[in-house]
Protein backbone atom coordinates (compact mmCIF):
# COMPACT_ATOMS: atom_id res chain seq x y z
CA UNK A 1 43.21 -29.15 -84.26
CA UNK A 2 39.50 -28.45 -84.73
CA UNK A 3 38.47 -24.81 -85.03
CA UNK A 4 35.65 -24.19 -82.59
CA UNK A 5 34.88 -20.68 -83.88
CA UNK A 6 32.12 -21.70 -86.35
CA UNK A 7 30.59 -23.92 -83.67
CA UNK A 8 30.66 -21.03 -81.20
CA UNK A 9 28.95 -18.72 -83.72
CA UNK A 10 26.25 -21.31 -84.41
CA UNK A 11 25.80 -21.96 -80.70
CA UNK A 12 25.49 -18.22 -80.02
CA UNK A 13 22.84 -17.77 -82.74
CA UNK A 14 21.00 -20.88 -81.53
CA UNK A 15 20.97 -19.48 -77.97
CA UNK A 16 19.44 -16.22 -79.21
CA UNK A 17 16.80 -18.08 -81.23
CA UNK A 18 16.02 -20.31 -78.27
CA UNK A 19 15.62 -17.26 -76.02
CA UNK A 20 13.32 -15.60 -78.55
CA UNK A 21 11.06 -18.65 -78.71
CA UNK A 22 10.96 -19.13 -74.93
CA UNK A 23 10.12 -15.49 -74.15
CA UNK A 24 7.55 -15.33 -76.93
CA UNK A 25 5.88 -18.44 -75.52
CA UNK A 26 5.90 -17.09 -71.96
CA UNK A 27 5.01 -13.44 -72.54
CA UNK A 28 2.92 -13.02 -75.69
CA UNK A 29 -0.28 -14.47 -74.26
CA UNK A 30 0.03 -12.35 -71.09
CA UNK A 31 0.60 -9.24 -73.20
CA UNK A 32 -2.53 -9.97 -75.24
CA UNK A 33 -4.52 -10.39 -72.04
CA UNK A 34 -3.28 -7.09 -70.58
CA UNK A 35 -3.89 -5.30 -73.88
CA UNK A 36 -7.49 -6.52 -74.05
CA UNK A 37 -8.03 -5.71 -70.37
CA UNK A 38 -6.75 -2.16 -70.90
CA UNK A 39 -9.06 -1.57 -73.85
CA UNK A 40 -11.97 -2.89 -71.79
CA UNK A 41 -11.15 -0.52 -68.95
CA UNK A 42 -11.10 2.41 -71.37
CA UNK A 43 -14.55 1.45 -72.68
CA UNK A 44 -15.91 1.20 -69.13
CA UNK A 45 -14.43 4.60 -68.33
CA UNK A 46 -16.15 6.18 -71.34
CA UNK A 47 -19.45 4.56 -70.40
CA UNK A 48 -19.25 5.88 -66.83
CA UNK A 49 -18.23 9.39 -67.90
CA UNK A 50 -20.36 10.18 -70.91
CA UNK A 51 -19.15 13.79 -71.00
CA UNK A 52 -15.84 12.50 -72.42
CA UNK A 53 -15.32 11.17 -75.90
CA UNK A 54 -12.68 8.72 -77.07
CA UNK A 55 -10.44 11.44 -78.50
CA UNK A 56 -10.31 13.31 -75.19
CA UNK A 57 -9.47 10.11 -73.35
CA UNK A 58 -6.70 9.24 -75.79
CA UNK A 59 -5.22 12.72 -75.35
CA UNK A 60 -5.22 12.28 -71.58
CA UNK A 61 -3.54 8.88 -71.92
CA UNK A 62 -0.90 10.54 -74.10
CA UNK A 63 -0.30 13.14 -71.39
CA UNK A 64 0.20 10.35 -68.85
CA UNK A 65 2.67 8.57 -71.13
CA UNK A 66 4.68 11.75 -71.71
CA UNK A 67 4.79 12.42 -67.98
CA UNK A 68 6.10 8.91 -67.32
CA UNK A 69 8.73 9.27 -70.04
CA UNK A 70 9.94 12.48 -68.37
CA UNK A 71 10.31 10.69 -65.05
CA UNK A 72 7.14 12.12 -63.48
CA UNK A 73 5.05 9.47 -61.73
CA UNK A 74 1.35 10.07 -62.57
CA UNK A 75 0.37 8.70 -59.16
CA UNK A 76 0.21 10.97 -56.15
CA UNK A 77 0.31 14.76 -56.41
CA UNK A 78 2.72 17.67 -56.82
CA UNK A 79 4.18 17.06 -53.35
CA UNK A 80 6.00 13.95 -54.57
CA UNK A 81 9.77 14.14 -53.95
CA UNK A 82 11.85 15.54 -56.79
CA UNK A 83 13.57 13.13 -59.14
CA UNK A 84 16.55 15.46 -59.25
CA UNK A 85 17.45 16.00 -55.60
CA UNK A 86 21.06 15.16 -54.72
CA UNK A 87 20.41 11.55 -53.74
CA UNK A 88 18.46 10.77 -56.91
CA UNK A 89 20.96 12.68 -59.06
CA UNK A 90 23.82 10.69 -57.51
CA UNK A 91 21.94 7.48 -58.32
CA UNK A 92 21.36 8.67 -61.90
CA UNK A 93 25.06 9.51 -62.32
CA UNK A 94 25.89 5.97 -61.21
CA UNK A 95 23.51 4.43 -63.74
CA UNK A 96 25.17 6.51 -66.48
CA UNK A 97 28.81 5.56 -65.86
CA UNK A 98 27.93 1.91 -65.22
CA UNK A 99 25.86 1.83 -68.47
CA UNK A 100 22.84 0.39 -66.63
CA UNK A 101 20.49 3.05 -67.98
CA UNK A 102 17.15 2.07 -66.46
CA UNK A 103 15.29 4.39 -68.83
CA UNK A 104 12.79 5.62 -66.24
CA UNK A 105 14.68 8.91 -65.84
CA UNK A 106 16.67 10.92 -68.35
CA UNK A 107 17.67 14.55 -68.93
CA UNK A 108 14.91 16.61 -70.56
CA UNK A 109 16.84 19.84 -71.21
CA UNK A 110 19.28 20.25 -74.09
CA UNK A 111 22.02 21.32 -71.68
CA UNK A 112 21.37 18.24 -69.54
CA UNK A 113 21.45 15.92 -72.54
CA UNK A 114 24.73 17.35 -73.87
CA UNK A 115 26.25 17.22 -70.37
CA UNK A 116 25.14 13.59 -70.06
CA UNK A 117 26.95 12.71 -73.30
CA UNK A 118 30.27 14.20 -72.17
CA UNK A 119 29.81 12.89 -68.62
CA UNK A 120 29.39 9.35 -69.99
CA UNK A 121 32.25 9.84 -72.48
CA UNK A 122 34.73 10.27 -69.63
CA UNK A 123 32.80 8.45 -66.90
CA UNK A 124 32.40 5.07 -68.58
CA UNK A 125 36.19 4.57 -69.13
CA UNK A 126 36.81 5.81 -65.58
CA UNK A 127 34.27 3.30 -64.28
CA UNK A 128 35.91 0.48 -66.26
CA UNK A 129 39.34 1.44 -64.90
CA UNK A 130 37.96 1.45 -61.36
CA UNK A 131 36.30 -1.93 -61.81
CA UNK A 132 39.56 -3.23 -63.30
CA UNK A 133 41.48 -2.25 -60.18
CA UNK A 134 38.77 -3.70 -57.98
CA UNK A 135 38.88 -6.89 -60.02
CA UNK A 136 42.66 -7.13 -59.54
CA UNK A 137 42.13 -6.88 -55.81
CA UNK A 138 39.52 -9.62 -55.91
CA UNK A 139 41.86 -11.83 -57.96
CA UNK A 140 44.66 -11.28 -55.45
CA UNK A 141 42.24 -12.20 -52.68
CA UNK A 142 41.37 -15.39 -54.52
CA UNK A 143 45.05 -16.36 -54.67
CA UNK A 144 45.41 -15.64 -50.93
CA UNK A 145 42.45 -17.88 -50.18
CA UNK A 146 43.96 -20.62 -52.33
CA UNK A 147 47.21 -20.50 -50.37
CA UNK A 148 45.30 -20.81 -47.11
CA UNK A 149 43.60 -23.99 -48.25
CA UNK A 150 46.47 -26.49 -48.48
CA UNK A 151 44.43 -29.50 -49.53
CA UNK A 152 43.77 -31.36 -52.78
CA UNK A 153 41.33 -29.45 -54.94
CA UNK A 154 42.08 -26.16 -53.17
CA UNK A 155 41.45 -24.17 -56.34
CA UNK A 156 37.88 -25.44 -56.45
CA UNK A 157 37.46 -24.71 -52.72
CA UNK A 158 38.66 -21.09 -52.91
CA UNK A 159 36.54 -20.49 -56.02
CA UNK A 160 33.52 -21.91 -54.20
CA UNK A 161 34.21 -19.62 -51.22
CA UNK A 162 34.43 -16.61 -53.52
CA UNK A 163 31.20 -17.48 -55.33
CA UNK A 164 29.22 -18.28 -52.17
CA UNK A 165 30.36 -15.15 -50.33
CA UNK A 166 29.62 -12.87 -53.28
CA UNK A 167 26.28 -14.54 -53.92
CA UNK A 168 25.21 -13.93 -50.33
CA UNK A 169 26.41 -10.31 -50.25
CA UNK A 170 25.18 -9.21 -53.67
CA UNK A 171 22.37 -11.55 -54.75
CA UNK A 172 20.74 -13.16 -51.68
CA UNK A 173 20.66 -10.54 -48.89
CA UNK A 174 19.94 -7.35 -50.93
CA UNK A 175 16.55 -8.63 -52.20
CA UNK A 176 15.49 -8.99 -48.57
CA UNK A 177 16.21 -5.29 -48.04
CA UNK A 178 14.49 -4.24 -51.26
CA UNK A 179 11.48 -6.41 -50.46
CA UNK A 180 11.13 -4.75 -47.05
CA UNK A 181 11.66 -1.17 -48.26
CA UNK A 182 9.88 -1.31 -51.63
CA UNK A 183 7.14 -3.79 -50.80
CA UNK A 184 8.23 -6.22 -53.51
CA UNK A 185 8.19 -9.98 -53.26
CA UNK A 186 11.55 -11.68 -52.78
CA UNK A 187 11.42 -12.92 -56.36
CA UNK A 188 10.91 -9.39 -57.66
CA UNK A 189 13.77 -8.14 -55.49
CA UNK A 190 16.07 -10.89 -56.74
CA UNK A 191 15.06 -10.14 -60.33
CA UNK A 192 15.83 -6.43 -59.83
CA UNK A 193 19.18 -7.28 -58.21
CA UNK A 194 20.45 -9.45 -61.04
CA UNK A 195 19.06 -7.26 -63.84
CA UNK A 196 20.82 -4.29 -62.24
CA UNK A 197 24.21 -5.86 -61.51
CA UNK A 198 24.35 -7.42 -64.97
CA UNK A 199 23.75 -3.89 -66.39
CA UNK A 200 20.74 -5.13 -68.37
CA UNK A 201 18.65 -2.50 -66.60
CA UNK A 202 15.17 -2.86 -68.08
CA UNK A 203 13.77 -0.16 -65.81
CA UNK A 204 10.60 -2.06 -64.90
CA UNK A 205 11.79 -2.14 -61.28
CA UNK A 206 13.74 0.81 -59.87
CA UNK A 207 14.35 1.57 -56.19
CA UNK A 208 13.07 4.72 -54.56
CA UNK A 209 10.35 5.58 -57.10
CA UNK A 210 7.15 4.75 -55.21
CA UNK A 211 5.41 8.08 -54.39
CA UNK A 212 3.45 6.44 -51.57
CA UNK A 213 6.59 5.56 -49.61
CA UNK A 214 8.96 7.74 -47.62
CA UNK A 215 12.61 6.86 -48.20
CA UNK A 216 15.60 7.97 -46.18
CA UNK A 217 17.64 10.57 -48.11
CA UNK A 218 20.69 8.32 -48.48
CA UNK A 219 18.73 5.26 -49.65
CA UNK A 220 19.44 5.57 -53.36
CA UNK A 221 23.01 6.76 -52.78
CA UNK A 222 23.75 3.65 -50.70
CA UNK A 223 22.12 1.56 -53.41
CA UNK A 224 24.44 3.14 -56.00
CA UNK A 225 27.48 2.19 -53.91
CA UNK A 226 26.19 -1.38 -53.57
CA UNK A 227 25.74 -1.49 -57.35
CA UNK A 228 29.39 -0.50 -58.00
CA UNK A 229 30.86 -3.28 -55.86
CA UNK A 230 28.26 -5.77 -57.08
CA UNK A 231 29.17 -4.93 -60.68
CA UNK A 232 32.83 -5.73 -60.02
CA UNK A 233 31.97 -9.08 -58.45
CA UNK A 234 29.47 -10.18 -61.08
CA UNK A 235 31.70 -8.99 -63.93
CA UNK A 236 34.53 -11.13 -62.53
CA UNK A 237 32.15 -14.09 -62.30
CA UNK A 238 31.16 -13.53 -65.93
CA UNK A 239 34.84 -13.40 -66.92
CA UNK A 240 35.57 -16.64 -65.04
CA UNK A 241 32.62 -18.24 -66.81
CA UNK A 242 33.87 -16.98 -70.17
CA UNK A 243 37.35 -18.37 -69.46
CA UNK A 244 35.90 -21.76 -68.55
CA UNK A 245 33.75 -21.79 -71.68
CA UNK A 246 36.69 -20.83 -73.89
CA UNK A 247 38.76 -23.57 -72.30
CA UNK A 248 35.96 -26.06 -72.87
CA UNK A 249 35.70 -25.06 -76.53
CA UNK A 250 39.50 -25.13 -76.89
CA UNK A 251 39.60 -21.56 -78.16
CA UNK A 252 42.82 -20.92 -76.27
CA UNK A 253 45.31 -22.93 -74.23
CA UNK A 254 46.16 -22.38 -70.55
CA UNK A 255 49.20 -23.46 -68.59
CA UNK A 256 48.10 -26.55 -66.60
CA UNK A 257 50.17 -25.67 -63.51
CA UNK A 258 48.44 -22.33 -62.87
CA UNK A 259 45.17 -21.82 -61.05
CA UNK A 260 42.30 -19.90 -62.60
CA UNK A 261 42.82 -16.96 -60.23
CA UNK A 262 46.57 -16.79 -60.98
CA UNK A 263 45.92 -16.88 -64.73
CA UNK A 264 43.45 -14.02 -64.42
CA UNK A 265 46.00 -11.97 -62.45
CA UNK A 266 48.75 -12.64 -64.99
CA UNK A 267 46.46 -11.55 -67.81
CA UNK A 268 45.63 -8.34 -65.99
CA UNK A 269 49.32 -7.56 -65.50
CA UNK A 270 50.45 -8.59 -68.99
CA UNK A 271 47.61 -6.94 -70.88
CA UNK A 272 46.77 -3.68 -69.09
CA UNK A 273 45.38 -2.16 -72.25
CA UNK A 274 42.69 -4.84 -72.41
CA UNK A 275 40.56 -4.62 -69.25
CA UNK A 276 39.56 -8.00 -67.90
CA UNK A 277 36.65 -6.50 -66.04
CA UNK A 278 34.16 -5.26 -68.58
CA UNK A 279 30.47 -4.53 -68.26
CA UNK A 280 28.14 -6.25 -70.71
CA UNK A 281 25.76 -3.81 -72.35
């Protein structure tokens, strides 16, 4: 038997190098353009307001950056909604236990930072256990669907039903809502949806942060609930993809008479100490 482990390691490193080259090619020129444009705008500002010098302007820019890092949007005025009302705090708690961590908001007090550490210490395992149970339920539902479809290739049919339904509920329809509420394009909404549910969480797009819009109080709380169920679905999809890739690379053998959904359920029952639903960080 051929050991596919070295090939997998090389393929993994090649994928990272390929990604680095692609993103450098796509983004570096745009970054240079924005950097030059920003410096030009600063020069124009100094020319229009001769009472300021460059040092004063740089200090003001530093104040703006510190405000943004503390979660304060420089746009608008002091009447902007608080970042730490109950709805926003609930949303923040969800981003902590799910390890999304957008980075646009974080505790600024020592007590808040220490509390966040202990909250995540117990919350992340609790979240994984919850997603595990939810994943077991989804696996059981997959087996039920397979039994309903008594035709050749029923495993492929039930898997297709699962993927299509989840894609519509968690990846296709939500961007429409976010586009309407946030004023984003559909592409931006779809990008935010996937980056969030995959727990990548760059923080370049976050719901409910535009100071010029009025959101309903429960908007971010409902978004947090959608994130939890979307995480369970996408994590299961990632696990199915990992199983298929491992089978393709012959890293482990599967019983040929069992469906993919049944194998996943058996693994969950036989190996409870190793959660099948895990969140990539």
